Amino acid sequence: MKDSERMPAAISPTGLDAYKPSEIAKMVESAGVTKTRLPLLSQVALGSLAGAFIAFGALFYLVVLTGADPGSGPVRFAAGVAFSLGLILVIVGGAELFTGNALLVIAWVDGLVSTGAVARNWVIVYLANFAGAVTILALVWLAGLHEGALAATAGRIAEAKLALGPVELLARGILCNVLVCLAVWLSFAARDAGSKVLVIIPPIAAFVALGFEHSIANMFLLPFGMLAGAPVGLAGIADNLLWVTIGNVIGGGGGVALSYWAAYRANADRPRPPPV
């Protein structure tokens, strides 16, 4: 047997069976180009699914909190793990989530997609996410879940969210989407579905346990609180979504995306096709 045949396979310097960060950056950039080229119907359908998936995660989160001490660290962690169901369904099942699509900034900064293409994707996916979340809310109401202990929990959470001021909402929105986009980033590192699930849970559980603000989750939680009879109005919901959405864009696009672009793509040697 030749010496070369006795050599073991190359081992990753990290010891992990995962893609390297530089490879992730390239994949995220390529995915961003693909996302902006999706047909309108595909963006609407996948965006609606993502809104529904996040609503399922938010509903599971409410179940875990109902009857428990919401200030307890272990309870908050458990609720965060439950909420991670939403992003797991988005990533593994395949859907278009506005907050995760903040990573399109990498392809935009590299000149691979135009400003108009990014804006179009964000607007379509955001509205589709809202449609999906509201659809699940309607089904929750038809199922009679807008009454009772679960609804009371939703009402308390909605009131607490609307008590926050613009600066708090903006900051919590930034912090939230740093962790959400890191979860998406880590999912690109994984080579199989099981590994994707495992890497998604910690960042999502962290943002929920820490009380950060996610615009798409709030599209479900705030109207649910209103249906439950909490003093929640449409103006308050709109104000919350405005500041949280801006924060989500800053945290994901300006924080995670630009940081990794500067680290791995700014000086990369590659052809530059015309923007789409």
C-alpha atoms as a PDB file:
ATOM      1  CA  MET A   1       0.000   0.000   0.000  1.00  0.00           C
ATOM      2  CA  LYS A   2       1.296   3.448  -0.899  1.00  0.00           C
ATOM      3  CA  ASP A   3       2.006   5.981   1.831  1.00  0.00           C
ATOM      4  CA  SER A   4      -0.559   8.345   0.325  1.00  0.00           C
ATOM      5  CA  GLU A   5      -3.229   5.680   0.681  1.00  0.00           C
ATOM      6  CA  ARG A   6      -2.489   5.352   4.398  1.00  0.00           C
ATOM      7  CA  MET A   7      -2.949   9.082   5.053  1.00  0.00           C
ATOM      8  CA  PRO A   8      -6.154   9.930   6.951  1.00  0.00           C
ATOM      9  CA  ALA A   9      -8.666  12.360   5.487  1.00  0.00           C
ATOM     10  CA  ALA A  10      -7.979  16.025   6.149  1.00  0.00           C
ATOM     11  CA  ILE A  11      -9.377  17.220   9.455  1.00  0.00           C
ATOM     12  CA  SER A  12     -10.952  20.643   9.891  1.00  0.00           C
ATOM     13  CA  PRO A  13      -8.809  22.963  12.065  1.00  0.00           C
ATOM     14  CA  THR A  14     -11.900  23.535  14.234  1.00  0.00           C
ATOM     15  CA  GLY A  15     -12.507  19.816  14.702  1.00  0.00           C
ATOM     16  CA  LEU A  16     -16.073  20.339  13.488  1.00  0.00           C
ATOM     17  CA  ASP A  17     -17.747  18.812  10.468  1.00  0.00           C
ATOM     18  CA  ALA A  18     -18.980  22.196   9.312  1.00  0.00           C
ATOM     19  CA  TYR A  19     -18.370  24.717   6.569  1.00  0.00           C
ATOM     20  CA  LYS A  20     -15.775  27.382   7.366  1.00  0.00           C
ATOM     21  CA  PRO A  21     -16.956  30.962   7.993  1.00  0.00           C
ATOM     22  CA  SER A  22     -15.419  32.088   4.693  1.00  0.00           C
ATOM     23  CA  GLU A  23     -17.411  29.389   2.901  1.00  0.00           C
ATOM     24  CA  ILE A  24     -20.563  30.406   4.760  1.00  0.00           C
ATOM     25  CA  ALA A  25     -20.104  34.000   3.622  1.00  0.00           C
ATOM     26  CA  LYS A  26     -19.907  32.877   0.021  1.00  0.00           C
ATOM     27  CA  MET A  27     -23.002  30.675   0.377  1.00  0.00           C
ATOM     28  CA  VAL A  28     -24.988  33.444   2.075  1.00  0.00           C
ATOM     29  CA  GLU A  29     -24.011  35.841  -0.703  1.00  0.00           C
ATOM     30  CA  SER A  30     -25.074  33.355  -3.380  1.00  0.00           C
ATOM     31  CA  ALA A  31     -28.334  32.659  -1.545  1.00  0.00           C
ATOM     32  CA  GLY A  32     -29.030  36.387  -1.464  1.00  0.00           C
ATOM     33  CA  VAL A  33     -28.785  36.592  -5.240  1.00  0.00           C
ATOM     34  CA  THR A  34     -31.114  33.607  -5.588  1.00  0.00           C
ATOM     35  CA  LYS A  35     -33.670  35.100  -3.189  1.00  0.00           C
ATOM     36  CA  THR A  36     -33.941  38.340  -5.159  1.00  0.00           C
ATOM     37  CA  ARG A  37     -34.527  36.368  -8.371  1.00  0.00           C
ATOM     38  CA  LEU A  38     -37.438  34.340  -7.041  1.00  0.00           C
ATOM     39  CA  PRO A  39     -40.701  34.893  -8.948  1.00  0.00           C
ATOM     40  CA  LEU A  40     -43.325  37.016  -7.219  1.00  0.00           C
ATOM     41  CA  LEU A  41     -45.609  34.047  -6.511  1.00  0.00           C
ATOM     42  CA  SER A  42     -42.752  32.117  -4.906  1.00  0.00           C
ATOM     43  CA  GLN A  43     -41.798  35.052  -2.672  1.00  0.00           C
ATOM     44  CA  VAL A  44     -45.409  35.513  -1.576  1.00  0.00           C
ATOM     45  CA  ALA A  45     -45.991  31.810  -0.930  1.00  0.00           C
ATOM     46  CA  LEU A  46     -42.714  31.269   0.917  1.00  0.00           C
ATOM     47  CA  GLY A  47     -43.129  34.526   2.832  1.00  0.00           C
ATOM     48  CA  SER A  48     -46.633  33.518   3.949  1.00  0.00           C
ATOM     49  CA  LEU A  49     -45.301  30.162   5.113  1.00  0.00           C
ATOM     50  CA  ALA A  50     -42.572  31.855   7.147  1.00  0.00           C
ATOM     51  CA  GLY A  51     -45.108  34.133   8.853  1.00  0.00           C
ATOM     52  CA  ALA A  52     -47.203  31.088   9.714  1.00  0.00           C
ATOM     53  CA  PHE A  53     -44.163  29.184  10.975  1.00  0.00           C
ATOM     54  CA  ILE A  54     -43.113  32.027  13.280  1.00  0.00           C
ATOM     55  CA  ALA A  55     -46.706  32.254  14.530  1.00  0.00           C
ATOM     56  CA  PHE A  56     -46.591  28.548  15.416  1.00  0.00           C
ATOM     57  CA  GLY A  57     -43.377  29.171  17.340  1.00  0.00           C
ATOM     58  CA  ALA A  58     -44.949  32.141  19.125  1.00  0.00           C
ATOM     59  CA  LEU A  59     -48.015  30.071  20.017  1.00  0.00           C
ATOM     60  CA  PHE A  60     -45.808  27.326  21.442  1.00  0.00           C
ATOM     61  CA  TYR A  61     -43.935  29.998  23.389  1.00  0.00           C
ATOM     62  CA  LEU A  62     -47.225  31.206  24.913  1.00  0.00           C
ATOM     63  CA  VAL A  63     -48.163  27.671  25.953  1.00  0.00           C
ATOM     64  CA  VAL A  64     -44.878  27.227  27.824  1.00  0.00           C
ATOM     65  CA  LEU A  65     -45.320  30.551  29.660  1.00  0.00           C
ATOM     66  CA  THR A  66     -48.953  29.935  30.606  1.00  0.00           C
ATOM     67  CA  GLY A  67     -49.267  29.019  34.275  1.00  0.00           C
ATOM     68  CA  ALA A  68     -45.559  29.584  34.925  1.00  0.00           C
ATOM     69  CA  ASP A  69     -43.571  32.425  36.444  1.00  0.00           C
ATOM     70  CA  PRO A  70     -42.578  34.604  33.431  1.00  0.00           C
ATOM     71  CA  GLY A  71     -39.704  36.090  35.426  1.00  0.00           C
ATOM     72  CA  SER A  72     -38.064  32.725  36.070  1.00  0.00           C
ATOM     73  CA  GLY A  73     -34.859  32.181  34.123  1.00  0.00           C
ATOM     74  CA  PRO A  74     -35.488  28.471  33.423  1.00  0.00           C
ATOM     75  CA  VAL A  75     -39.044  29.232  32.277  1.00  0.00           C
ATOM     76  CA  ARG A  76     -37.842  31.978  29.935  1.00  0.00           C
ATOM     77  CA  PHE A  77     -35.217  29.620  28.520  1.00  0.00           C
ATOM     78  CA  ALA A  78     -37.810  26.884  27.979  1.00  0.00           C
ATOM     79  CA  ALA A  79     -40.109  29.382  26.263  1.00  0.00           C
ATOM     80  CA  GLY A  80     -37.232  30.445  24.023  1.00  0.00           C
ATOM     81  CA  VAL A  81     -36.522  26.848  23.040  1.00  0.00           C
ATOM     82  CA  ALA A  82     -40.215  26.451  22.193  1.00  0.00           C
ATOM     83  CA  PHE A  83     -40.183  29.609  20.071  1.00  0.00           C
ATOM     84  CA  SER A  84     -37.188  28.309  18.095  1.00  0.00           C
ATOM     85  CA  LEU A  85     -39.672  25.945  16.404  1.00  0.00           C
ATOM     86  CA  GLY A  86     -40.517  28.861  14.113  1.00  0.00           C
ATOM     87  CA  LEU A  87     -37.043  29.400  12.666  1.00  0.00           C
ATOM     88  CA  ILE A  88     -36.411  25.650  12.493  1.00  0.00           C
ATOM     89  CA  LEU A  89     -39.464  25.310  10.246  1.00  0.00           C
ATOM     90  CA  VAL A  90     -38.309  28.288   8.171  1.00  0.00           C
ATOM     91  CA  ILE A  91     -34.756  26.994   7.645  1.00  0.00           C
ATOM     92  CA  VAL A  92     -35.300  23.254   7.351  1.00  0.00           C
ATOM     93  CA  GLY A  93     -38.753  23.405   5.782  1.00  0.00           C
ATOM     94  CA  GLY A  94     -37.829  26.246   3.449  1.00  0.00           C
ATOM     95  CA  ALA A  95     -39.467  29.690   3.637  1.00  0.00           C
ATOM     96  CA  GLU A  96     -38.704  33.391   3.274  1.00  0.00           C
ATOM     97  CA  LEU A  97     -38.405  35.312   6.533  1.00  0.00           C
ATOM     98  CA  PHE A  98     -37.941  39.091   6.514  1.00  0.00           C
ATOM     99  CA  THR A  99     -35.599  39.183   9.495  1.00  0.00           C
ATOM    100  CA  GLY A 100     -33.332  36.471   8.077  1.00  0.00           C
ATOM    101  CA  ASN A 101     -33.323  38.194   4.702  1.00  0.00           C
ATOM    102  CA  ALA A 102     -31.450  41.104   6.275  1.00  0.00           C
ATOM    103  CA  LEU A 103     -28.414  39.044   5.236  1.00  0.00           C
ATOM    104  CA  LEU A 104     -29.149  40.070   1.620  1.00  0.00           C
ATOM    105  CA  VAL A 105     -27.001  43.073   2.499  1.00  0.00           C
ATOM    106  CA  ILE A 106     -23.905  40.945   1.820  1.00  0.00           C
ATOM    107  CA  ALA A 107     -24.855  40.427  -1.839  1.00  0.00           C
ATOM    108  CA  TRP A 108     -25.939  44.080  -2.110  1.00  0.00           C
ATOM    109  CA  VAL A 109     -22.669  45.497  -0.780  1.00  0.00           C
ATOM    110  CA  ASP A 110     -20.790  43.281  -3.232  1.00  0.00           C
ATOM    111  CA  GLY A 111     -22.796  44.764  -6.104  1.00  0.00           C
ATOM    112  CA  LEU A 112     -24.433  41.440  -7.012  1.00  0.00           C
ATOM    113  CA  VAL A 113     -27.977  42.697  -6.434  1.00  0.00           C
ATOM    114  CA  SER A 114     -29.405  46.161  -6.814  1.00  0.00           C
ATOM    115  CA  THR A 115     -30.945  48.343  -4.131  1.00  0.00           C
ATOM    116  CA  GLY A 116     -34.302  47.970  -5.860  1.00  0.00           C
ATOM    117  CA  ALA A 117     -34.074  44.177  -5.836  1.00  0.00           C
ATOM    118  CA  VAL A 118     -33.324  44.101  -2.106  1.00  0.00           C
ATOM    119  CA  ALA A 119     -36.105  46.575  -1.307  1.00  0.00           C
ATOM    120  CA  ARG A 120     -38.562  44.602  -3.442  1.00  0.00           C
ATOM    121  CA  ASN A 121     -37.706  41.359  -1.653  1.00  0.00           C
ATOM    122  CA  TRP A 122     -37.964  42.935   1.788  1.00  0.00           C
ATOM    123  CA  VAL A 123     -41.339  44.586   1.102  1.00  0.00           C
ATOM    124  CA  ILE A 124     -42.908  41.509  -0.487  1.00  0.00           C
ATOM    125  CA  VAL A 125     -41.602  39.105   2.148  1.00  0.00           C
ATOM    126  CA  TYR A 126     -42.525  41.434   5.031  1.00  0.00           C
ATOM    127  CA  LEU A 127     -46.120  41.755   3.838  1.00  0.00           C
ATOM    128  CA  ALA A 128     -46.326  38.038   3.120  1.00  0.00           C
ATOM    129  CA  ASN A 129     -44.976  37.277   6.605  1.00  0.00           C
ATOM    130  CA  PHE A 130     -47.741  39.459   8.009  1.00  0.00           C
ATOM    131  CA  ALA A 131     -50.359  37.626   5.956  1.00  0.00           C
ATOM    132  CA  GLY A 132     -49.114  34.261   7.192  1.00  0.00           C
ATOM    133  CA  ALA A 133     -49.052  35.352  10.835  1.00  0.00           C
ATOM    134  CA  VAL A 134     -52.560  36.821  10.641  1.00  0.00           C
ATOM    135  CA  THR A 135     -53.872  33.665   8.962  1.00  0.00           C
ATOM    136  CA  ILE A 136     -52.691  31.550  11.895  1.00  0.00           C
ATOM    137  CA  LEU A 137     -54.170  34.114  14.272  1.00  0.00           C
ATOM    138  CA  ALA A 138     -57.548  33.772  12.533  1.00  0.00           C
ATOM    139  CA  LEU A 139     -57.389  29.994  12.891  1.00  0.00           C
ATOM    140  CA  VAL A 140     -56.429  30.381  16.562  1.00  0.00           C
ATOM    141  CA  TRP A 141     -59.537  32.528  17.045  1.00  0.00           C
ATOM    142  CA  LEU A 142     -61.747  29.994  15.242  1.00  0.00           C
ATOM    143  CA  ALA A 143     -60.269  27.273  17.458  1.00  0.00           C
ATOM    144  CA  GLY A 144     -61.394  29.206  20.525  1.00  0.00           C
ATOM    145  CA  LEU A 145     -57.884  29.797  21.829  1.00  0.00           C
ATOM    146  CA  HIS A 146     -58.478  33.549  22.149  1.00  0.00           C
ATOM    147  CA  GLU A 147     -60.100  32.907  25.529  1.00  0.00           C
ATOM    148  CA  GLY A 148     -58.842  31.338  28.739  1.00  0.00           C
ATOM    149  CA  ALA A 149     -55.394  31.110  30.311  1.00  0.00           C
ATOM    150  CA  LEU A 150     -53.479  31.110  27.015  1.00  0.00           C
ATOM    151  CA  ALA A 151     -55.220  34.278  25.894  1.00  0.00           C
ATOM    152  CA  ALA A 152     -54.543  35.931  29.244  1.00  0.00           C
ATOM    153  CA  THR A 153     -50.838  35.215  28.791  1.00  0.00           C
ATOM    154  CA  ALA A 154     -50.952  36.729  25.299  1.00  0.00           C
ATOM    155  CA  GLY A 155     -52.675  39.813  26.686  1.00  0.00           C
ATOM    156  CA  ARG A 156     -50.041  40.373  29.386  1.00  0.00           C
ATOM    157  CA  ILE A 157     -47.212  39.985  26.895  1.00  0.00           C
ATOM    158  CA  ALA A 158     -48.826  42.374  24.422  1.00  0.00           C
ATOM    159  CA  GLU A 159     -49.325  45.001  27.138  1.00  0.00           C
ATOM    160  CA  ALA A 160     -45.698  44.686  28.218  1.00  0.00           C
ATOM    161  CA  LYS A 161     -44.483  45.108  24.642  1.00  0.00           C
ATOM    162  CA  LEU A 162     -46.597  48.222  24.081  1.00  0.00           C
ATOM    163  CA  ALA A 163     -45.280  49.758  27.299  1.00  0.00           C
ATOM    164  CA  LEU A 164     -41.807  50.002  25.768  1.00  0.00           C
ATOM    165  CA  GLY A 165     -40.663  53.306  24.277  1.00  0.00           C
ATOM    166  CA  PRO A 166     -39.141  53.851  20.803  1.00  0.00           C
ATOM    167  CA  VAL A 167     -35.521  53.730  22.004  1.00  0.00           C
ATOM    168  CA  GLU A 168     -36.102  50.496  23.896  1.00  0.00           C
ATOM    169  CA  LEU A 169     -37.922  48.942  20.938  1.00  0.00           C
ATOM    170  CA  LEU A 170     -35.184  49.984  18.530  1.00  0.00           C
ATOM    171  CA  ALA A 171     -32.409  48.611  20.741  1.00  0.00           C
ATOM    172  CA  ARG A 172     -34.251  45.362  21.434  1.00  0.00           C
ATOM    173  CA  GLY A 173     -34.982  44.999  17.722  1.00  0.00           C
ATOM    174  CA  ILE A 174     -31.280  45.401  16.905  1.00  0.00           C
ATOM    175  CA  LEU A 175     -30.212  42.872  19.518  1.00  0.00           C
ATOM    176  CA  CYS A 176     -32.887  40.421  18.458  1.00  0.00           C
ATOM    177  CA  ASN A 177     -31.920  40.281  14.816  1.00  0.00           C
ATOM    178  CA  VAL A 178     -28.220  40.011  15.588  1.00  0.00           C
ATOM    179  CA  LEU A 179     -29.063  36.692  17.217  1.00  0.00           C
ATOM    180  CA  VAL A 180     -31.618  35.652  14.571  1.00  0.00           C
ATOM    181  CA  CYS A 181     -29.187  36.298  11.727  1.00  0.00           C
ATOM    182  CA  LEU A 182     -26.439  34.504  13.627  1.00  0.00           C
ATOM    183  CA  ALA A 183     -28.796  31.516  13.890  1.00  0.00           C
ATOM    184  CA  VAL A 184     -29.363  31.670  10.127  1.00  0.00           C
ATOM    185  CA  TRP A 185     -25.604  32.049   9.577  1.00  0.00           C
ATOM    186  CA  LEU A 186     -24.853  29.021  11.746  1.00  0.00           C
ATOM    187  CA  SER A 187     -27.465  26.976   9.870  1.00  0.00           C
ATOM    188  CA  PHE A 188     -25.388  27.470   6.707  1.00  0.00           C
ATOM    189  CA  ALA A 189     -22.424  25.915   8.526  1.00  0.00           C
ATOM    190  CA  ALA A 190     -24.337  22.692   9.190  1.00  0.00           C
ATOM    191  CA  ARG A 191     -24.184  19.872   6.664  1.00  0.00           C
ATOM    192  CA  ASP A 192     -27.395  18.050   7.680  1.00  0.00           C
ATOM    193  CA  ALA A 193     -30.877  18.856   8.961  1.00  0.00           C
ATOM    194  CA  GLY A 194     -30.242  17.614  12.499  1.00  0.00           C
ATOM    195  CA  SER A 195     -27.205  19.840  12.882  1.00  0.00           C
ATOM    196  CA  LYS A 196     -29.157  22.817  11.544  1.00  0.00           C
ATOM    197  CA  VAL A 197     -31.784  22.299  14.240  1.00  0.00           C
ATOM    198  CA  LEU A 198     -29.149  22.125  16.974  1.00  0.00           C
ATOM    199  CA  VAL A 199     -27.358  25.337  15.961  1.00  0.00           C
ATOM    200  CA  ILE A 200     -30.592  27.307  15.519  1.00  0.00           C
ATOM    201  CA  ILE A 201     -31.933  26.721  19.033  1.00  0.00           C
ATOM    202  CA  PRO A 202     -29.336  28.510  21.260  1.00  0.00           C
ATOM    203  CA  PRO A 203     -29.393  31.973  19.590  1.00  0.00           C
ATOM    204  CA  ILE A 204     -33.188  31.950  19.304  1.00  0.00           C
ATOM    205  CA  ALA A 205     -33.687  30.743  22.873  1.00  0.00           C
ATOM    206  CA  ALA A 206     -31.300  33.504  23.977  1.00  0.00           C
ATOM    207  CA  PHE A 207     -33.119  36.372  22.260  1.00  0.00           C
ATOM    208  CA  VAL A 208     -36.486  35.237  23.615  1.00  0.00           C
ATOM    209  CA  ALA A 209     -35.196  34.689  27.153  1.00  0.00           C
ATOM    210  CA  LEU A 210     -33.521  38.109  27.096  1.00  0.00           C
ATOM    211  CA  GLY A 211     -36.728  39.857  26.050  1.00  0.00           C
ATOM    212  CA  PHE A 212     -35.619  41.175  22.660  1.00  0.00           C
ATOM    213  CA  GLU A 213     -38.121  42.183  19.961  1.00  0.00           C
ATOM    214  CA  HIS A 214     -38.856  40.326  16.700  1.00  0.00           C
ATOM    215  CA  SER A 215     -41.083  42.139  14.211  1.00  0.00           C
ATOM    216  CA  ILE A 216     -42.646  39.045  12.638  1.00  0.00           C
ATOM    217  CA  ALA A 217     -43.383  37.409  16.000  1.00  0.00           C
ATOM    218  CA  ASN A 218     -45.038  40.657  17.086  1.00  0.00           C
ATOM    219  CA  MET A 219     -47.311  40.473  14.029  1.00  0.00           C
ATOM    220  CA  PHE A 220     -48.884  37.489  15.774  1.00  0.00           C
ATOM    221  CA  LEU A 221     -48.438  38.243  19.476  1.00  0.00           C
ATOM    222  CA  LEU A 222     -49.759  41.823  19.503  1.00  0.00           C
ATOM    223  CA  PRO A 223     -53.007  41.177  17.562  1.00  0.00           C
ATOM    224  CA  PHE A 224     -53.501  38.034  19.661  1.00  0.00           C
ATOM    225  CA  GLY A 225     -53.320  40.182  22.777  1.00  0.00           C
ATOM    226  CA  MET A 226     -55.884  42.543  21.270  1.00  0.00           C
ATOM    227  CA  LEU A 227     -58.243  39.634  20.505  1.00  0.00           C
ATOM    228  CA  ALA A 228     -57.761  38.432  24.071  1.00  0.00           C
ATOM    229  CA  GLY A 229     -59.186  41.714  25.338  1.00  0.00           C
ATOM    230  CA  ALA A 230     -55.999  43.480  26.366  1.00  0.00           C
ATOM    231  CA  PRO A 231     -55.909  47.285  25.924  1.00  0.00           C
ATOM    232  CA  VAL A 232     -54.005  47.012  22.661  1.00  0.00           C
ATOM    233  CA  GLY A 233     -54.886  49.270  19.722  1.00  0.00           C
ATOM    234  CA  LEU A 234     -53.917  49.285  16.077  1.00  0.00           C
ATOM    235  CA  ALA A 235     -51.915  52.487  16.519  1.00  0.00           C
ATOM    236  CA  GLY A 236     -49.861  50.880  19.284  1.00  0.00           C
ATOM    237  CA  ILE A 237     -49.249  47.787  17.161  1.00  0.00           C
ATOM    238  CA  ALA A 238     -48.140  49.925  14.201  1.00  0.00           C
ATOM    239  CA  ASP A 239     -45.788  51.973  16.381  1.00  0.00           C
ATOM    240  CA  ASN A 240     -44.236  48.841  17.866  1.00  0.00           C
ATOM    241  CA  LEU A 241     -43.716  47.230  14.461  1.00  0.00           C
ATOM    242  CA  LEU A 242     -42.185  50.416  13.032  1.00  0.00           C
ATOM    243  CA  TRP A 243     -39.381  50.688  15.603  1.00  0.00           C
ATOM    244  CA  VAL A 244     -38.808  46.962  15.946  1.00  0.00           C
ATOM    245  CA  THR A 245     -38.604  46.519  12.162  1.00  0.00           C
ATOM    246  CA  ILE A 246     -36.049  49.311  11.837  1.00  0.00           C
ATOM    247  CA  GLY A 247     -34.053  47.743  14.648  1.00  0.00           C
ATOM    248  CA  ASN A 248     -34.228  44.301  13.028  1.00  0.00           C
ATOM    249  CA  VAL A 249     -32.852  45.703   9.764  1.00  0.00           C
ATOM    250  CA  ILE A 250     -30.011  47.489  11.551  1.00  0.00           C
ATOM    251  CA  GLY A 251     -29.089  44.471  13.654  1.00  0.00           C
ATOM    252  CA  GLY A 252     -29.174  41.910  10.855  1.00  0.00           C
ATOM    253  CA  GLY A 253     -28.092  43.971   7.870  1.00  0.00           C
ATOM    254  CA  GLY A 254     -25.884  46.573   9.466  1.00  0.00           C
ATOM    255  CA  GLY A 255     -24.515  44.354  12.193  1.00  0.00           C
ATOM    256  CA  VAL A 256     -24.149  40.725  11.172  1.00  0.00           C
ATOM    257  CA  ALA A 257     -24.142  41.048   7.371  1.00  0.00           C
ATOM    258  CA  LEU A 258     -21.706  43.959   7.099  1.00  0.00           C
ATOM    259  CA  SER A 259     -19.384  42.491   9.725  1.00  0.00           C
ATOM    260  CA  TYR A 260     -19.040  39.172   7.921  1.00  0.00           C
ATOM    261  CA  TRP A 261     -18.802  40.900   4.545  1.00  0.00           C
ATOM    262  CA  ALA A 262     -15.885  42.976   5.824  1.00  0.00           C
ATOM    263  CA  ALA A 263     -14.226  39.891   7.288  1.00  0.00           C
ATOM    264  CA  TYR A 264     -14.603  37.467   4.372  1.00  0.00           C
ATOM    265  CA  ARG A 265     -15.921  39.094   1.191  1.00  0.00           C
ATOM    266  CA  ALA A 266     -14.541  42.640   1.006  1.00  0.00           C
ATOM    267  CA  ASN A 267     -11.180  41.509  -0.371  1.00  0.00           C
ATOM    268  CA  ALA A 268     -12.259  38.263  -2.005  1.00  0.00           C
ATOM    269  CA  ASP A 269     -11.005  37.611  -5.526  1.00  0.00           C
ATOM    270  CA  ARG A 270     -14.111  36.937  -7.613  1.00  0.00           C
ATOM    271  CA  PRO A 271     -15.882  37.981 -10.808  1.00  0.00           C
ATOM    272  CA  ARG A 272     -18.534  40.630 -10.432  1.00  0.00           C
ATOM    273  CA  PRO A 273     -21.602  40.026 -12.619  1.00  0.00           C
ATOM    274  CA  PRO A 274     -23.932  42.949 -13.213  1.00  0.00           C
ATOM    275  CA  PRO A 275     -26.435  43.542 -10.359  1.00  0.00           C
ATOM    276  CA  VAL A 276     -29.950  42.172 -10.742  1.00  0.00           C
END
